[in-house]
N, C-alpha and C. Protein backbone atom coordinates (compact mmCIF):
# COMPACT_ATOMS: atom_id res chain seq x y z
N MET A 1 20.26 -6.66 -18.05
CA MET A 1 19.97 -5.47 -17.27
C MET A 1 18.67 -4.81 -17.73
N ALA A 2 18.45 -4.76 -19.06
CA ALA A 2 17.23 -4.13 -19.59
C ALA A 2 15.99 -4.85 -19.06
N GLU A 3 16.04 -6.19 -18.97
CA GLU A 3 14.90 -6.94 -18.44
C GLU A 3 14.67 -6.62 -16.96
N THR A 4 15.75 -6.41 -16.21
CA THR A 4 15.62 -6.05 -14.80
C THR A 4 14.96 -4.69 -14.65
N VAL A 5 15.38 -3.72 -15.46
CA VAL A 5 14.76 -2.39 -15.43
C VAL A 5 13.30 -2.49 -15.80
N ARG A 6 13.00 -3.22 -16.86
CA ARG A 6 11.61 -3.38 -17.29
C ARG A 6 10.79 -4.06 -16.20
N GLY A 7 11.37 -5.10 -15.58
CA GLY A 7 10.66 -5.81 -14.51
C GLY A 7 10.36 -4.92 -13.32
N CYS A 8 11.33 -4.11 -12.93
CA CYS A 8 11.13 -3.18 -11.80
C CYS A 8 10.06 -2.15 -12.13
N ALA A 9 10.11 -1.61 -13.34
CA ALA A 9 9.11 -0.62 -13.76
C ALA A 9 7.73 -1.27 -13.82
N LEU A 10 7.66 -2.48 -14.34
CA LEU A 10 6.37 -3.19 -14.43
C LEU A 10 5.81 -3.43 -13.03
N ASP A 11 6.67 -3.86 -12.10
CA ASP A 11 6.22 -4.08 -10.73
C ASP A 11 5.70 -2.79 -10.11
N ALA A 12 6.43 -1.69 -10.31
CA ALA A 12 6.03 -0.40 -9.73
C ALA A 12 4.71 0.09 -10.32
N VAL A 13 4.56 -0.04 -11.63
CA VAL A 13 3.32 0.41 -12.28
C VAL A 13 2.14 -0.48 -11.87
N SER A 14 2.38 -1.78 -11.80
CA SER A 14 1.31 -2.71 -11.40
C SER A 14 0.85 -2.46 -9.97
N ALA A 15 1.76 -2.03 -9.11
CA ALA A 15 1.44 -1.82 -7.70
C ALA A 15 0.68 -0.52 -7.42
N LEU A 16 0.61 0.37 -8.39
CA LEU A 16 -0.07 1.65 -8.17
C LEU A 16 -1.54 1.43 -7.83
N CYS A 17 -2.02 2.16 -6.84
CA CYS A 17 -3.44 2.14 -6.53
C CYS A 17 -4.08 3.33 -7.22
N LEU A 18 -4.87 3.04 -8.24
CA LEU A 18 -5.52 4.10 -9.02
C LEU A 18 -7.04 4.10 -8.84
N ALA A 19 -7.50 3.46 -7.77
CA ALA A 19 -8.95 3.34 -7.54
C ALA A 19 -9.61 4.71 -7.40
N ALA A 20 -8.99 5.64 -6.69
CA ALA A 20 -9.60 6.96 -6.51
C ALA A 20 -9.65 7.72 -7.83
N VAL A 21 -8.62 7.57 -8.64
CA VAL A 21 -8.60 8.22 -9.96
C VAL A 21 -9.73 7.66 -10.81
N LYS A 22 -9.83 6.34 -10.84
CA LYS A 22 -10.87 5.70 -11.66
C LYS A 22 -12.27 6.08 -11.17
N ALA A 23 -12.44 6.18 -9.86
CA ALA A 23 -13.74 6.58 -9.32
C ALA A 23 -14.11 7.99 -9.78
N ARG A 24 -13.13 8.90 -9.81
CA ARG A 24 -13.41 10.28 -10.25
C ARG A 24 -13.81 10.33 -11.71
N VAL A 25 -13.11 9.61 -12.58
CA VAL A 25 -13.46 9.71 -14.01
C VAL A 25 -14.80 9.04 -14.29
N LYS A 26 -15.22 8.13 -13.41
CA LYS A 26 -16.52 7.48 -13.60
C LYS A 26 -17.67 8.32 -13.09
N THR A 27 -17.38 9.33 -12.25
CA THR A 27 -18.48 10.09 -11.66
C THR A 27 -18.40 11.59 -11.89
N ASP A 28 -17.22 12.14 -12.15
CA ASP A 28 -17.04 13.59 -12.27
C ASP A 28 -17.07 14.03 -13.73
N GLY A 29 -17.18 15.30 -13.91
CA GLY A 29 -17.08 15.88 -15.25
C GLY A 29 -18.39 15.87 -16.00
N PRO A 30 -18.39 16.50 -17.17
CA PRO A 30 -19.61 16.63 -17.95
C PRO A 30 -20.09 15.29 -18.52
N THR A 31 -19.16 14.35 -18.75
CA THR A 31 -19.51 13.03 -19.28
C THR A 31 -18.82 11.96 -18.46
N PRO A 32 -19.49 11.48 -17.41
CA PRO A 32 -18.89 10.40 -16.62
C PRO A 32 -18.63 9.18 -17.51
N TRP A 33 -17.56 8.48 -17.23
CA TRP A 33 -17.16 7.34 -18.04
C TRP A 33 -17.83 6.06 -17.56
N PRO A 34 -18.32 5.25 -18.49
CA PRO A 34 -18.82 3.92 -18.10
C PRO A 34 -17.68 3.08 -17.53
N HIS A 35 -18.04 2.09 -16.75
CA HIS A 35 -17.06 1.23 -16.08
C HIS A 35 -16.05 0.63 -17.06
N HIS A 36 -16.53 0.11 -18.20
CA HIS A 36 -15.60 -0.54 -19.15
C HIS A 36 -14.61 0.44 -19.75
N VAL A 37 -15.02 1.69 -19.95
CA VAL A 37 -14.10 2.70 -20.49
C VAL A 37 -13.06 3.06 -19.42
N ALA A 38 -13.52 3.26 -18.19
CA ALA A 38 -12.58 3.58 -17.11
C ALA A 38 -11.55 2.46 -16.93
N ASN A 39 -11.99 1.21 -17.03
CA ASN A 39 -11.06 0.08 -16.90
C ASN A 39 -10.04 0.07 -18.03
N GLU A 40 -10.52 0.27 -19.25
CA GLU A 40 -9.61 0.25 -20.40
C GLU A 40 -8.60 1.39 -20.31
N VAL A 41 -9.06 2.57 -19.97
CA VAL A 41 -8.16 3.72 -19.91
C VAL A 41 -7.18 3.55 -18.74
N GLU A 42 -7.62 2.98 -17.63
CA GLU A 42 -6.69 2.71 -16.53
C GLU A 42 -5.57 1.77 -16.99
N LEU A 43 -5.93 0.70 -17.67
CA LEU A 43 -4.92 -0.23 -18.18
C LEU A 43 -3.95 0.47 -19.12
N GLU A 44 -4.48 1.26 -20.04
CA GLU A 44 -3.62 1.94 -21.00
C GLU A 44 -2.81 3.06 -20.36
N TYR A 45 -3.32 3.68 -19.30
CA TYR A 45 -2.52 4.66 -18.56
C TYR A 45 -1.34 3.96 -17.89
N ARG A 46 -1.58 2.79 -17.34
CA ARG A 46 -0.48 2.02 -16.75
C ARG A 46 0.57 1.69 -17.82
N ARG A 47 0.11 1.32 -19.01
CA ARG A 47 1.04 1.05 -20.10
C ARG A 47 1.78 2.32 -20.52
N PHE A 48 1.08 3.44 -20.50
CA PHE A 48 1.71 4.72 -20.80
C PHE A 48 2.86 4.98 -19.81
N LEU A 49 2.59 4.80 -18.51
CA LEU A 49 3.62 5.01 -17.50
C LEU A 49 4.80 4.06 -17.72
N LEU A 50 4.51 2.82 -18.06
CA LEU A 50 5.57 1.86 -18.32
C LEU A 50 6.39 2.28 -19.54
N LEU A 51 5.71 2.67 -20.62
CA LEU A 51 6.42 3.14 -21.81
C LEU A 51 7.31 4.33 -21.50
N GLN A 52 6.77 5.29 -20.75
CA GLN A 52 7.56 6.48 -20.42
C GLN A 52 8.79 6.10 -19.61
N SER A 53 8.66 5.11 -18.73
CA SER A 53 9.82 4.69 -17.94
C SER A 53 10.83 3.92 -18.78
N LEU A 54 10.35 3.21 -19.81
CA LEU A 54 11.25 2.45 -20.68
C LEU A 54 11.96 3.33 -21.70
N TYR A 55 11.35 4.46 -22.05
CA TYR A 55 11.89 5.37 -23.05
C TYR A 55 12.02 6.78 -22.48
N PRO A 56 12.88 6.96 -21.46
CA PRO A 56 12.96 8.27 -20.79
C PRO A 56 13.51 9.38 -21.69
N GLU A 57 14.14 9.01 -22.79
CA GLU A 57 14.67 10.03 -23.71
C GLU A 57 13.56 10.71 -24.51
N HIS A 58 12.35 10.15 -24.47
CA HIS A 58 11.20 10.73 -25.17
C HIS A 58 10.20 11.27 -24.16
N VAL A 59 9.55 12.35 -24.50
CA VAL A 59 8.42 12.82 -23.73
C VAL A 59 7.19 12.36 -24.48
N LEU A 60 6.56 11.31 -23.96
CA LEU A 60 5.44 10.69 -24.67
C LEU A 60 4.15 11.44 -24.40
N SER A 61 3.24 11.33 -25.34
CA SER A 61 1.94 11.98 -25.19
C SER A 61 0.87 10.97 -25.56
N ALA A 62 -0.36 11.32 -25.29
CA ALA A 62 -1.48 10.43 -25.54
C ALA A 62 -2.71 11.26 -25.87
N GLY A 63 -3.77 10.57 -26.19
CA GLY A 63 -5.03 11.23 -26.52
C GLY A 63 -5.75 11.73 -25.27
N PRO A 64 -6.89 12.37 -25.47
CA PRO A 64 -7.59 13.05 -24.38
C PRO A 64 -8.02 12.14 -23.22
N PHE A 65 -8.38 10.90 -23.48
CA PHE A 65 -8.84 10.04 -22.39
C PHE A 65 -7.70 9.68 -21.45
N ILE A 66 -6.56 9.29 -22.01
CA ILE A 66 -5.41 8.96 -21.16
C ILE A 66 -4.89 10.23 -20.48
N VAL A 67 -4.89 11.34 -21.19
CA VAL A 67 -4.44 12.60 -20.59
C VAL A 67 -5.37 12.99 -19.43
N GLU A 68 -6.66 12.81 -19.57
CA GLU A 68 -7.58 13.13 -18.47
C GLU A 68 -7.33 12.23 -17.27
N PHE A 69 -7.11 10.95 -17.51
CA PHE A 69 -6.79 10.03 -16.42
C PHE A 69 -5.48 10.49 -15.75
N TRP A 70 -4.51 10.88 -16.58
CA TRP A 70 -3.22 11.37 -16.09
C TRP A 70 -3.42 12.62 -15.23
N ARG A 71 -4.23 13.55 -15.70
CA ARG A 71 -4.49 14.78 -14.93
C ARG A 71 -5.11 14.46 -13.57
N GLN A 72 -6.03 13.52 -13.59
CA GLN A 72 -6.66 13.12 -12.32
C GLN A 72 -5.65 12.46 -11.39
N HIS A 73 -4.72 11.70 -11.94
CA HIS A 73 -3.68 11.08 -11.12
C HIS A 73 -2.70 12.14 -10.60
N ALA A 74 -2.40 13.12 -11.40
CA ALA A 74 -1.42 14.15 -11.03
C ALA A 74 -1.85 14.97 -9.82
N VAL A 75 -3.12 14.97 -9.46
CA VAL A 75 -3.57 15.71 -8.27
C VAL A 75 -3.52 14.84 -7.01
N GLU A 76 -3.20 13.57 -7.17
CA GLU A 76 -3.08 12.68 -6.01
C GLU A 76 -1.83 13.06 -5.21
N SER A 77 -1.88 12.86 -3.91
CA SER A 77 -0.76 13.25 -3.05
C SER A 77 0.50 12.43 -3.31
N ASP A 78 0.36 11.21 -3.83
CA ASP A 78 1.54 10.37 -4.06
C ASP A 78 2.11 10.49 -5.47
N TYR A 79 1.53 11.34 -6.32
CA TYR A 79 1.95 11.40 -7.72
C TYR A 79 3.43 11.77 -7.89
N THR A 80 3.91 12.74 -7.15
CA THR A 80 5.32 13.14 -7.28
C THR A 80 6.24 11.99 -6.90
N ALA A 81 5.91 11.26 -5.85
CA ALA A 81 6.72 10.12 -5.44
C ALA A 81 6.70 9.02 -6.49
N VAL A 82 5.55 8.80 -7.09
CA VAL A 82 5.43 7.81 -8.17
C VAL A 82 6.34 8.20 -9.33
N CYS A 83 6.29 9.47 -9.72
CA CYS A 83 7.13 9.96 -10.81
C CYS A 83 8.61 9.80 -10.48
N GLN A 84 8.99 10.15 -9.26
CA GLN A 84 10.39 10.00 -8.85
C GLN A 84 10.83 8.55 -8.98
N GLN A 85 9.99 7.63 -8.54
CA GLN A 85 10.33 6.21 -8.59
C GLN A 85 10.45 5.72 -10.03
N LEU A 86 9.52 6.12 -10.88
CA LEU A 86 9.49 5.61 -12.25
C LEU A 86 10.41 6.35 -13.21
N PHE A 87 10.50 7.67 -13.05
CA PHE A 87 11.18 8.48 -14.06
C PHE A 87 12.36 9.30 -13.53
N GLY A 88 12.46 9.40 -12.22
CA GLY A 88 13.51 10.22 -11.62
C GLY A 88 13.18 11.70 -11.62
N ARG A 89 11.96 12.03 -12.02
CA ARG A 89 11.51 13.42 -12.06
C ARG A 89 9.99 13.43 -12.18
N ARG A 90 9.39 14.56 -11.87
CA ARG A 90 7.93 14.70 -12.04
C ARG A 90 7.65 15.00 -13.50
N ILE A 91 6.69 14.31 -14.08
CA ILE A 91 6.25 14.64 -15.43
C ILE A 91 4.83 15.17 -15.35
N GLU A 92 4.53 16.13 -16.18
CA GLU A 92 3.23 16.80 -16.15
C GLU A 92 2.39 16.41 -17.36
N PRO A 93 1.08 16.29 -17.15
CA PRO A 93 0.20 16.06 -18.30
C PRO A 93 0.30 17.23 -19.28
N PRO A 94 0.23 16.94 -20.58
CA PRO A 94 0.33 18.03 -21.56
C PRO A 94 -0.93 18.88 -21.58
N GLY A 95 -0.78 20.09 -22.06
CA GLY A 95 -1.90 21.00 -22.17
C GLY A 95 -2.59 20.93 -23.52
N ARG A 96 -2.16 19.98 -24.35
CA ARG A 96 -2.73 19.85 -25.70
C ARG A 96 -2.74 18.37 -26.09
N PRO A 97 -3.58 18.03 -27.06
CA PRO A 97 -3.58 16.64 -27.54
C PRO A 97 -2.29 16.31 -28.28
N ALA A 98 -2.01 15.05 -28.38
CA ALA A 98 -0.83 14.59 -29.11
C ALA A 98 -0.95 14.94 -30.59
N THR A 99 0.17 15.30 -31.21
CA THR A 99 0.19 15.56 -32.64
C THR A 99 0.28 14.24 -33.39
N SER A 100 0.05 14.25 -34.70
CA SER A 100 0.14 13.01 -35.48
C SER A 100 1.56 12.46 -35.45
N GLU A 101 2.56 13.34 -35.43
CA GLU A 101 3.95 12.89 -35.34
C GLU A 101 4.20 12.19 -34.00
N GLU A 102 3.69 12.78 -32.92
CA GLU A 102 3.83 12.17 -31.60
C GLU A 102 3.10 10.83 -31.55
N ASN A 103 1.91 10.77 -32.15
CA ASN A 103 1.17 9.51 -32.19
C ASN A 103 1.95 8.44 -32.94
N GLY A 104 2.65 8.83 -34.01
CA GLY A 104 3.44 7.87 -34.78
C GLY A 104 4.56 7.28 -33.93
N LEU A 105 5.24 8.11 -33.16
CA LEU A 105 6.30 7.63 -32.26
C LEU A 105 5.71 6.68 -31.22
N VAL A 106 4.61 7.09 -30.60
CA VAL A 106 3.98 6.26 -29.57
C VAL A 106 3.54 4.92 -30.17
N ARG A 107 2.99 4.94 -31.39
CA ARG A 107 2.58 3.68 -32.04
C ARG A 107 3.76 2.72 -32.17
N ARG A 108 4.91 3.24 -32.62
CA ARG A 108 6.10 2.39 -32.80
C ARG A 108 6.60 1.85 -31.45
N LEU A 109 6.70 2.71 -30.46
CA LEU A 109 7.19 2.28 -29.16
C LEU A 109 6.23 1.30 -28.49
N TYR A 110 4.94 1.56 -28.62
CA TYR A 110 3.92 0.69 -28.03
C TYR A 110 4.00 -0.71 -28.64
N ARG A 111 4.07 -0.77 -29.97
CA ARG A 111 4.14 -2.06 -30.65
C ARG A 111 5.41 -2.81 -30.23
N ALA A 112 6.53 -2.10 -30.12
CA ALA A 112 7.78 -2.73 -29.72
C ALA A 112 7.70 -3.26 -28.28
N ALA A 113 7.08 -2.52 -27.39
CA ALA A 113 7.02 -2.91 -25.99
C ALA A 113 5.97 -3.97 -25.70
N PHE A 114 4.80 -3.86 -26.35
CA PHE A 114 3.67 -4.73 -25.99
C PHE A 114 3.28 -5.71 -27.08
N GLU A 115 3.95 -5.64 -28.23
CA GLU A 115 3.72 -6.54 -29.36
C GLU A 115 2.25 -6.59 -29.76
N ARG A 116 1.65 -5.41 -29.82
CA ARG A 116 0.26 -5.27 -30.26
C ARG A 116 0.07 -3.84 -30.73
N PRO A 117 -0.94 -3.61 -31.57
CA PRO A 117 -1.17 -2.23 -32.04
C PRO A 117 -1.70 -1.33 -30.93
N LEU A 118 -1.49 -0.06 -31.11
CA LEU A 118 -1.98 0.95 -30.18
C LEU A 118 -3.51 0.94 -30.18
N PRO A 119 -4.15 0.79 -29.02
CA PRO A 119 -5.62 0.77 -28.98
C PRO A 119 -6.24 2.15 -29.14
N ASP A 120 -7.53 2.17 -29.44
CA ASP A 120 -8.27 3.41 -29.65
C ASP A 120 -8.20 4.36 -28.46
N SER A 121 -8.09 3.83 -27.25
CA SER A 121 -8.08 4.69 -26.07
C SER A 121 -6.89 5.65 -26.06
N TRP A 122 -5.85 5.38 -26.86
CA TRP A 122 -4.70 6.27 -26.94
C TRP A 122 -4.94 7.44 -27.89
N THR A 123 -5.80 7.26 -28.87
CA THR A 123 -5.93 8.27 -29.91
C THR A 123 -7.34 8.83 -30.07
N ALA A 124 -8.31 8.27 -29.36
CA ALA A 124 -9.68 8.76 -29.48
C ALA A 124 -9.72 10.25 -29.15
N THR A 125 -10.43 11.01 -29.97
CA THR A 125 -10.51 12.45 -29.74
C THR A 125 -11.91 12.89 -29.30
N SER A 126 -12.84 11.95 -29.30
CA SER A 126 -14.18 12.30 -28.84
C SER A 126 -14.74 11.16 -28.00
N ALA A 127 -15.69 11.52 -27.17
CA ALA A 127 -16.32 10.52 -26.32
C ALA A 127 -16.99 9.44 -27.15
N ASN A 128 -17.56 9.81 -28.28
CA ASN A 128 -18.25 8.83 -29.11
C ASN A 128 -17.33 7.72 -29.60
N GLU A 129 -16.05 8.03 -29.79
CA GLU A 129 -15.11 7.02 -30.25
C GLU A 129 -14.86 5.96 -29.19
N LEU A 130 -14.98 6.31 -27.94
CA LEU A 130 -14.69 5.36 -26.86
C LEU A 130 -15.90 4.94 -26.07
N LEU A 131 -16.79 5.84 -25.78
CA LEU A 131 -17.86 5.54 -24.85
C LEU A 131 -18.80 4.45 -25.34
N GLY A 132 -18.89 4.28 -26.63
CA GLY A 132 -19.73 3.21 -27.15
C GLY A 132 -18.97 1.95 -27.48
N SER A 133 -17.64 1.95 -27.25
CA SER A 133 -16.84 0.80 -27.65
C SER A 133 -16.87 -0.29 -26.59
N ALA A 134 -16.66 -1.50 -27.04
CA ALA A 134 -16.52 -2.62 -26.12
C ALA A 134 -15.11 -2.62 -25.58
N PRO A 135 -14.91 -3.18 -24.42
CA PRO A 135 -13.56 -3.22 -23.86
C PRO A 135 -12.62 -3.99 -24.77
N SER A 136 -11.37 -3.51 -24.87
CA SER A 136 -10.41 -4.19 -25.72
C SER A 136 -9.23 -4.69 -24.91
N PHE A 137 -9.42 -4.83 -23.60
CA PHE A 137 -8.32 -5.26 -22.76
C PHE A 137 -8.61 -6.66 -22.24
N CYS A 138 -7.58 -7.28 -21.75
CA CYS A 138 -7.66 -8.63 -21.22
C CYS A 138 -8.42 -8.60 -19.89
N SER A 139 -9.34 -9.51 -19.69
CA SER A 139 -10.14 -9.50 -18.48
C SER A 139 -9.33 -9.84 -17.23
N SER A 140 -8.10 -10.30 -17.40
CA SER A 140 -7.29 -10.64 -16.24
C SER A 140 -6.54 -9.43 -15.68
N THR A 141 -6.75 -8.23 -16.27
CA THR A 141 -6.07 -7.05 -15.76
C THR A 141 -6.72 -6.58 -14.48
N ALA A 142 -5.97 -5.79 -13.76
CA ALA A 142 -6.48 -5.29 -12.46
C ALA A 142 -7.63 -4.34 -12.69
N SER A 143 -8.65 -4.51 -11.90
CA SER A 143 -9.74 -3.53 -11.89
C SER A 143 -10.09 -3.29 -10.45
N GLY A 144 -10.50 -2.07 -10.17
CA GLY A 144 -10.71 -1.79 -8.76
C GLY A 144 -11.89 -0.97 -8.50
């Protein structure tokens, strides 16, 4: 049953169209994101949504880049429906960065779910930590 739930959540998260969100983070704001950063953060935001659906007993948090992507998604007209499908309720982006304790929980859950360490895009606190980095995601992931 757990594999069925995971499979359904993975299908739902994979099917999300986040092109408009990604376009906004690449062009809006004081520091538009380069294409490779937007792609990496989109992938990790999808993983965030999957993690949250797999661990509904926890309210997960992330660093500023994923939270900004989340905020941009939360203004989309379909966001509430997406939340209902994945979580059974609407979840809101946090108003503050993740604490070190929250990051520790996310690191453990991420490693358990994806069998890899938490990437920098989850914990970066400044643009310099990410904007100059090379992509760390698989090239076979969806990009739009």
